[in-house]
Amino acid sequence: MLVGYMRVSKADGSQNTDLQRDALLAAGIGPDALYEDHASGKKDDRPHLTACVKALREGDTLVVWKLDRLGRDLRHLVNIVHDLTQRGIGLKVLTGEGAAIDTTTASGKLVFGIFAALAEFERELIRERTLAGLAAARARGRRGGRPYKMTAAKIRLAMASMGQPDTTVGDLCKELGVSRQTLYRHVSPTGELRDDGHRVLTQSQRQR
């Protein structure tokens, strides 16, 4: 069974799916087997695409007018087609840059295999750039990743407060804006500095 999916990038009525609909109907798809979204391709929330993918069964073929109607980027597209392939579902693109893709044929599978390889190459490039950036930052005395929730000032306050008989841990956590787990990871119940607390204080001293 052939199932069609259409999408336009604007939901304000300035675009419509007439051209896509005509092409999909001409490709042999019945009107009741068409799914349509009005949203940006970069948005994760495309309910009719989700419904379309769920409705597909083994042996079906998903048909789109152009490749950019389906995926918001190359990796997203590769993930969608990988999922369809695992379920025994084909993908066919009618026109545009991806018109050579028809995963129900050997040549179409080869073309999409090249797309998948490019997506993997892109992931590796991003990973290499990220690692290189972190290494360069460390060489300059900076650390990557999320900033510490516990600052040096908060740790000193926690050290002074913990272990005092009138200190309520819950109230102290609210004042510091951290969870109990975070607090105890930096300072012991008796106010002694722990490894994570040492790291924050050391980092603070380096930045002075």
C-alpha atoms as a PDB file:
ATOM      1  CA  MET A   1       0.000   0.000   0.000  1.00  0.00           C
ATOM      2  CA  LEU A   2       1.203   3.517  -0.847  1.00  0.00           C
ATOM      3  CA  VAL A   3       0.886   6.193   1.844  1.00  0.00           C
ATOM      4  CA  GLY A   4       1.617   9.872   1.193  1.00  0.00           C
ATOM      5  CA  TYR A   5       2.901  12.593   3.495  1.00  0.00           C
ATOM      6  CA  MET A   6       2.732  16.346   2.825  1.00  0.00           C
ATOM      7  CA  ARG A   7       4.063  19.326   4.739  1.00  0.00           C
ATOM      8  CA  VAL A   8       4.141  23.094   4.330  1.00  0.00           C
ATOM      9  CA  SER A   9       6.406  25.333   6.380  1.00  0.00           C
ATOM     10  CA  LYS A  10       3.852  27.998   7.300  1.00  0.00           C
ATOM     11  CA  ALA A  11       0.627  27.450   9.159  1.00  0.00           C
ATOM     12  CA  ASP A  12      -0.826  30.889   8.370  1.00  0.00           C
ATOM     13  CA  GLY A  13      -2.406  29.864   5.090  1.00  0.00           C
ATOM     14  CA  SER A  14       0.216  31.535   2.888  1.00  0.00           C
ATOM     15  CA  GLN A  15       1.289  28.120   1.634  1.00  0.00           C
ATOM     16  CA  ASN A  16      -0.808  25.126   0.692  1.00  0.00           C
ATOM     17  CA  THR A  17      -0.261  21.509  -0.240  1.00  0.00           C
ATOM     18  CA  ASP A  18      -2.108  21.534  -3.573  1.00  0.00           C
ATOM     19  CA  LEU A  19       1.021  20.835  -5.639  1.00  0.00           C
ATOM     20  CA  GLN A  20       2.142  18.045  -3.332  1.00  0.00           C
ATOM     21  CA  ARG A  21      -1.349  16.574  -3.163  1.00  0.00           C
ATOM     22  CA  ASP A  22      -1.724  16.503  -6.959  1.00  0.00           C
ATOM     23  CA  ALA A  23       1.660  14.794  -7.359  1.00  0.00           C
ATOM     24  CA  LEU A  24       0.895  12.182  -4.701  1.00  0.00           C
ATOM     25  CA  LEU A  25      -2.535  11.434  -6.131  1.00  0.00           C
ATOM     26  CA  ALA A  26      -0.982  11.086  -9.615  1.00  0.00           C
ATOM     27  CA  ALA A  27       1.488   8.584  -8.113  1.00  0.00           C
ATOM     28  CA  GLY A  28      -1.434   6.317  -7.264  1.00  0.00           C
ATOM     29  CA  ILE A  29      -2.057   7.213  -3.615  1.00  0.00           C
ATOM     30  CA  GLY A  30      -5.680   7.298  -2.511  1.00  0.00           C
ATOM     31  CA  PRO A  31      -7.076  10.486  -0.910  1.00  0.00           C
ATOM     32  CA  ASP A  32      -7.715   8.595   2.347  1.00  0.00           C
ATOM     33  CA  ALA A  33      -4.019   7.593   2.542  1.00  0.00           C
ATOM     34  CA  LEU A  34      -2.658  11.150   2.664  1.00  0.00           C
ATOM     35  CA  TYR A  35      -1.281  12.810   5.792  1.00  0.00           C
ATOM     36  CA  GLU A  36      -0.615  16.538   6.069  1.00  0.00           C
ATOM     37  CA  ASP A  37       1.208  18.842   8.504  1.00  0.00           C
ATOM     38  CA  HIS A  38       1.405  22.639   8.598  1.00  0.00           C
ATOM     39  CA  ALA A  39       4.594  23.335  10.533  1.00  0.00           C
ATOM     40  CA  SER A  40       8.271  24.073  10.183  1.00  0.00           C
ATOM     41  CA  GLY A  41      10.402  21.065   9.311  1.00  0.00           C
ATOM     42  CA  LYS A  42      12.619  21.943  12.293  1.00  0.00           C
ATOM     43  CA  LYS A  43       9.805  21.357  14.763  1.00  0.00           C
ATOM     44  CA  ASP A  44       9.742  18.030  16.527  1.00  0.00           C
ATOM     45  CA  ASP A  45       5.987  18.164  17.002  1.00  0.00           C
ATOM     46  CA  ARG A  46       4.488  17.017  13.716  1.00  0.00           C
ATOM     47  CA  PRO A  47       1.486  14.976  14.822  1.00  0.00           C
ATOM     48  CA  HIS A  48       0.393  13.846  11.366  1.00  0.00           C
ATOM     49  CA  LEU A  49       3.875  12.575  10.498  1.00  0.00           C
ATOM     50  CA  THR A  50       3.834  10.600  13.739  1.00  0.00           C
ATOM     51  CA  ALA A  51       0.399   9.226  12.894  1.00  0.00           C
ATOM     52  CA  CYS A  52       1.524   8.433   9.346  1.00  0.00           C
ATOM     53  CA  VAL A  53       4.585   6.484  10.485  1.00  0.00           C
ATOM     54  CA  LYS A  54       2.531   4.562  13.041  1.00  0.00           C
ATOM     55  CA  ALA A  55      -0.075   3.662  10.405  1.00  0.00           C
ATOM     56  CA  LEU A  56       2.481   2.157   8.033  1.00  0.00           C
ATOM     57  CA  ARG A  57       2.729  -1.620   7.940  1.00  0.00           C
ATOM     58  CA  GLU A  58       5.309  -4.057   6.586  1.00  0.00           C
ATOM     59  CA  GLY A  59       5.278  -3.968   2.792  1.00  0.00           C
ATOM     60  CA  ASP A  60       3.896  -0.403   2.619  1.00  0.00           C
ATOM     61  CA  THR A  61       5.752   2.469   0.937  1.00  0.00           C
ATOM     62  CA  LEU A  62       5.841   6.021   2.263  1.00  0.00           C
ATOM     63  CA  VAL A  63       5.783   8.530  -0.616  1.00  0.00           C
ATOM     64  CA  VAL A  64       6.772  12.201  -0.346  1.00  0.00           C
ATOM     65  CA  TRP A  65       6.878  14.915  -2.982  1.00  0.00           C
ATOM     66  CA  LYS A  66      10.350  16.135  -2.026  1.00  0.00           C
ATOM     67  CA  LEU A  67      12.870  14.891   0.502  1.00  0.00           C
ATOM     68  CA  ASP A  68      12.780  18.121   2.519  1.00  0.00           C
ATOM     69  CA  ARG A  69       9.073  17.553   3.223  1.00  0.00           C
ATOM     70  CA  LEU A  70       9.973  14.589   5.437  1.00  0.00           C
ATOM     71  CA  GLY A  71      13.079  15.262   7.511  1.00  0.00           C
ATOM     72  CA  ARG A  72      14.080  18.437   9.350  1.00  0.00           C
ATOM     73  CA  ASP A  73      17.768  17.646   8.723  1.00  0.00           C
ATOM     74  CA  LEU A  74      19.912  14.852   7.325  1.00  0.00           C
ATOM     75  CA  ARG A  75      20.283  12.970  10.586  1.00  0.00           C
ATOM     76  CA  HIS A  76      16.572  13.152  11.323  1.00  0.00           C
ATOM     77  CA  LEU A  77      15.854  11.879   7.828  1.00  0.00           C
ATOM     78  CA  VAL A  78      18.315   8.994   8.165  1.00  0.00           C
ATOM     79  CA  ASN A  79      16.766   8.010  11.501  1.00  0.00           C
ATOM     80  CA  ILE A  80      13.264   7.990  10.037  1.00  0.00           C
ATOM     81  CA  VAL A  81      14.261   5.852   7.065  1.00  0.00           C
ATOM     82  CA  HIS A  82      16.299   3.506   9.258  1.00  0.00           C
ATOM     83  CA  ASP A  83      13.201   2.941  11.399  1.00  0.00           C
ATOM     84  CA  LEU A  84      11.054   2.351   8.304  1.00  0.00           C
ATOM     85  CA  THR A  85      13.607  -0.067   6.847  1.00  0.00           C
ATOM     86  CA  GLN A  86      13.734  -2.049  10.096  1.00  0.00           C
ATOM     87  CA  ARG A  87       9.963  -2.428   9.843  1.00  0.00           C
ATOM     88  CA  GLY A  88      10.058  -3.508   6.197  1.00  0.00           C
ATOM     89  CA  ILE A  89       8.619  -0.222   4.897  1.00  0.00           C
ATOM     90  CA  GLY A  90       9.904   1.574   1.801  1.00  0.00           C
ATOM     91  CA  LEU A  91      10.404   5.263   1.019  1.00  0.00           C
ATOM     92  CA  LYS A  92       9.941   6.905  -2.357  1.00  0.00           C
ATOM     93  CA  VAL A  93      10.663  10.522  -3.303  1.00  0.00           C
ATOM     94  CA  LEU A  94       8.873  11.880  -6.371  1.00  0.00           C
ATOM     95  CA  THR A  95      10.950  14.923  -7.332  1.00  0.00           C
ATOM     96  CA  GLY A  96      13.735  17.281  -6.289  1.00  0.00           C
ATOM     97  CA  GLU A  97      17.216  16.454  -5.020  1.00  0.00           C
ATOM     98  CA  GLY A  98      16.165  13.121  -3.551  1.00  0.00           C
ATOM     99  CA  ALA A  99      14.192  11.857  -6.530  1.00  0.00           C
ATOM    100  CA  ALA A 100      16.651   8.985  -6.970  1.00  0.00           C
ATOM    101  CA  ILE A 101      15.638   7.586  -3.588  1.00  0.00           C
ATOM    102  CA  ASP A 102      13.327   4.616  -3.692  1.00  0.00           C
ATOM    103  CA  THR A 103      14.325   2.192  -0.969  1.00  0.00           C
ATOM    104  CA  THR A 104      12.179  -0.518  -2.521  1.00  0.00           C
ATOM    105  CA  THR A 105      14.825  -0.806  -5.288  1.00  0.00           C
ATOM    106  CA  ALA A 106      18.497  -1.767  -5.109  1.00  0.00           C
ATOM    107  CA  SER A 107      19.703   1.506  -6.665  1.00  0.00           C
ATOM    108  CA  GLY A 108      17.520   3.543  -4.326  1.00  0.00           C
ATOM    109  CA  LYS A 109      18.948   1.726  -1.316  1.00  0.00           C
ATOM    110  CA  LEU A 110      22.445   2.524  -2.572  1.00  0.00           C
ATOM    111  CA  VAL A 111      21.641   6.236  -2.868  1.00  0.00           C
ATOM    112  CA  PHE A 112      20.205   6.358   0.619  1.00  0.00           C
ATOM    113  CA  GLY A 113      23.211   4.444   1.909  1.00  0.00           C
ATOM    114  CA  ILE A 114      25.332   7.372   0.705  1.00  0.00           C
ATOM    115  CA  PHE A 115      23.035   9.760   2.596  1.00  0.00           C
ATOM    116  CA  ALA A 116      23.457   7.675   5.759  1.00  0.00           C
ATOM    117  CA  ALA A 117      27.236   7.680   5.342  1.00  0.00           C
ATOM    118  CA  LEU A 118      27.213  11.485   4.990  1.00  0.00           C
ATOM    119  CA  ALA A 119      25.125  11.791   8.155  1.00  0.00           C
ATOM    120  CA  GLU A 120      27.612   9.629  10.048  1.00  0.00           C
ATOM    121  CA  PHE A 121      30.465  11.730   8.648  1.00  0.00           C
ATOM    122  CA  GLU A 122      28.698  14.883   9.876  1.00  0.00           C
ATOM    123  CA  ARG A 123      28.302  13.385  13.368  1.00  0.00           C
ATOM    124  CA  GLU A 124      32.005  12.545  13.508  1.00  0.00           C
ATOM    125  CA  LEU A 125      32.991  16.055  12.391  1.00  0.00           C
ATOM    126  CA  ILE A 126      30.810  17.592  15.113  1.00  0.00           C
ATOM    127  CA  ARG A 127      32.281  15.218  17.691  1.00  0.00           C
ATOM    128  CA  GLU A 128      35.850  16.040  16.634  1.00  0.00           C
ATOM    129  CA  ARG A 129      35.171  19.797  16.736  1.00  0.00           C
ATOM    130  CA  THR A 130      33.598  19.489  20.184  1.00  0.00           C
ATOM    131  CA  LEU A 131      36.520  17.499  21.582  1.00  0.00           C
ATOM    132  CA  ALA A 132      39.026  19.905  20.017  1.00  0.00           C
ATOM    133  CA  GLY A 133      37.164  22.881  21.496  1.00  0.00           C
ATOM    134  CA  LEU A 134      37.114  21.329  24.966  1.00  0.00           C
ATOM    135  CA  ALA A 135      40.830  20.519  24.753  1.00  0.00           C
ATOM    136  CA  ALA A 136      41.620  24.100  23.708  1.00  0.00           C
ATOM    137  CA  ALA A 137      39.489  25.466  26.562  1.00  0.00           C
ATOM    138  CA  ARG A 138      41.215  23.215  29.100  1.00  0.00           C
ATOM    139  CA  ALA A 139      44.600  24.376  27.796  1.00  0.00           C
ATOM    140  CA  ARG A 140      43.517  27.940  28.601  1.00  0.00           C
ATOM    141  CA  GLY A 141      42.416  26.966  32.094  1.00  0.00           C
ATOM    142  CA  ARG A 142      38.698  26.736  31.301  1.00  0.00           C
ATOM    143  CA  ARG A 143      36.495  23.707  31.730  1.00  0.00           C
ATOM    144  CA  GLY A 144      33.665  22.707  29.424  1.00  0.00           C
ATOM    145  CA  GLY A 145      30.265  21.376  30.332  1.00  0.00           C
ATOM    146  CA  ARG A 146      27.484  22.776  32.477  1.00  0.00           C
ATOM    147  CA  PRO A 147      28.393  25.378  35.101  1.00  0.00           C
ATOM    148  CA  TYR A 148      28.482  24.277  38.722  1.00  0.00           C
ATOM    149  CA  LYS A 149      25.273  24.808  40.685  1.00  0.00           C
ATOM    150  CA  MET A 150      27.404  25.154  43.774  1.00  0.00           C
ATOM    151  CA  THR A 151      29.614  28.237  43.801  1.00  0.00           C
ATOM    152  CA  ALA A 152      32.522  28.878  46.129  1.00  0.00           C
ATOM    153  CA  ALA A 153      30.360  31.261  48.185  1.00  0.00           C
ATOM    154  CA  LYS A 154      27.582  28.671  48.506  1.00  0.00           C
ATOM    155  CA  ILE A 155      30.052  26.008  49.583  1.00  0.00           C
ATOM    156  CA  ARG A 156      31.525  28.230  52.287  1.00  0.00           C
ATOM    157  CA  LEU A 157      28.028  29.008  53.560  1.00  0.00           C
ATOM    158  CA  ALA A 158      27.168  25.305  53.545  1.00  0.00           C
ATOM    159  CA  MET A 159      30.366  24.437  55.424  1.00  0.00           C
ATOM    160  CA  ALA A 160      29.552  27.010  58.079  1.00  0.00           C
ATOM    161  CA  SER A 161      25.924  25.901  58.373  1.00  0.00           C
ATOM    162  CA  MET A 162      26.146  22.110  58.205  1.00  0.00           C
ATOM    163  CA  GLY A 163      26.595  20.443  61.545  1.00  0.00           C
ATOM    164  CA  GLN A 164      25.042  23.358  63.432  1.00  0.00           C
ATOM    165  CA  PRO A 165      22.176  22.133  65.632  1.00  0.00           C
ATOM    166  CA  ASP A 166      19.805  24.854  64.429  1.00  0.00           C
ATOM    167  CA  THR A 167      20.418  24.182  60.712  1.00  0.00           C
ATOM    168  CA  THR A 168      17.578  22.584  58.758  1.00  0.00           C
ATOM    169  CA  VAL A 169      18.991  20.910  55.652  1.00  0.00           C
ATOM    170  CA  GLY A 170      15.826  21.481  53.648  1.00  0.00           C
ATOM    171  CA  ASP A 171      15.837  25.208  54.387  1.00  0.00           C
ATOM    172  CA  LEU A 172      19.567  25.428  53.596  1.00  0.00           C
ATOM    173  CA  CYS A 173      19.011  23.731  50.228  1.00  0.00           C
ATOM    174  CA  LYS A 174      16.245  26.212  49.384  1.00  0.00           C
ATOM    175  CA  GLU A 175      18.504  29.117  50.311  1.00  0.00           C
ATOM    176  CA  LEU A 176      21.322  27.744  48.156  1.00  0.00           C
ATOM    177  CA  GLY A 177      19.013  26.732  45.316  1.00  0.00           C
ATOM    178  CA  VAL A 178      20.305  23.155  45.163  1.00  0.00           C
ATOM    179  CA  SER A 179      19.032  19.675  45.914  1.00  0.00           C
ATOM    180  CA  ARG A 180      20.025  17.631  48.962  1.00  0.00           C
ATOM    181  CA  GLN A 181      22.002  15.318  46.691  1.00  0.00           C
ATOM    182  CA  THR A 182      23.990  18.247  45.291  1.00  0.00           C
ATOM    183  CA  LEU A 183      24.614  19.656  48.757  1.00  0.00           C
ATOM    184  CA  TYR A 184      25.859  16.350  50.187  1.00  0.00           C
ATOM    185  CA  ARG A 185      28.051  15.803  47.139  1.00  0.00           C
ATOM    186  CA  HIS A 186      29.996  18.950  48.026  1.00  0.00           C
ATOM    187  CA  VAL A 187      29.784  19.152  51.816  1.00  0.00           C
ATOM    188  CA  SER A 188      29.360  16.419  54.433  1.00  0.00           C
ATOM    189  CA  PRO A 189      26.614  16.524  57.116  1.00  0.00           C
ATOM    190  CA  THR A 190      29.250  17.770  59.564  1.00  0.00           C
ATOM    191  CA  GLY A 191      30.428  20.578  57.275  1.00  0.00           C
ATOM    192  CA  GLU A 192      33.544  18.921  55.914  1.00  0.00           C
ATOM    193  CA  LEU A 193      34.535  19.601  52.312  1.00  0.00           C
ATOM    194  CA  ARG A 194      34.092  16.724  49.858  1.00  0.00           C
ATOM    195  CA  ASP A 195      35.797  16.074  46.505  1.00  0.00           C
ATOM    196  CA  ASP A 196      33.281  18.012  44.400  1.00  0.00           C
ATOM    197  CA  GLY A 197      33.541  20.909  46.825  1.00  0.00           C
ATOM    198  CA  HIS A 198      37.319  20.867  46.538  1.00  0.00           C
ATOM    199  CA  ARG A 199      37.034  21.050  42.748  1.00  0.00           C
ATOM    200  CA  VAL A 200      34.710  24.070  42.859  1.00  0.00           C
ATOM    201  CA  LEU A 201      36.931  25.967  45.289  1.00  0.00           C
ATOM    202  CA  THR A 202      40.056  25.114  43.298  1.00  0.00           C
ATOM    203  CA  GLN A 203      38.412  26.259  40.072  1.00  0.00           C
ATOM    204  CA  SER A 204      37.335  29.488  41.742  1.00  0.00           C
ATOM    205  CA  GLN A 205      40.879  30.198  42.897  1.00  0.00           C
ATOM    206  CA  ARG A 206      42.282  29.588  39.388  1.00  0.00           C
ATOM    207  CA  GLN A 207      39.852  32.073  37.878  1.00  0.00           C
ATOM    208  CA  ARG A 208      41.004  34.898  40.165  1.00  0.00           C
END
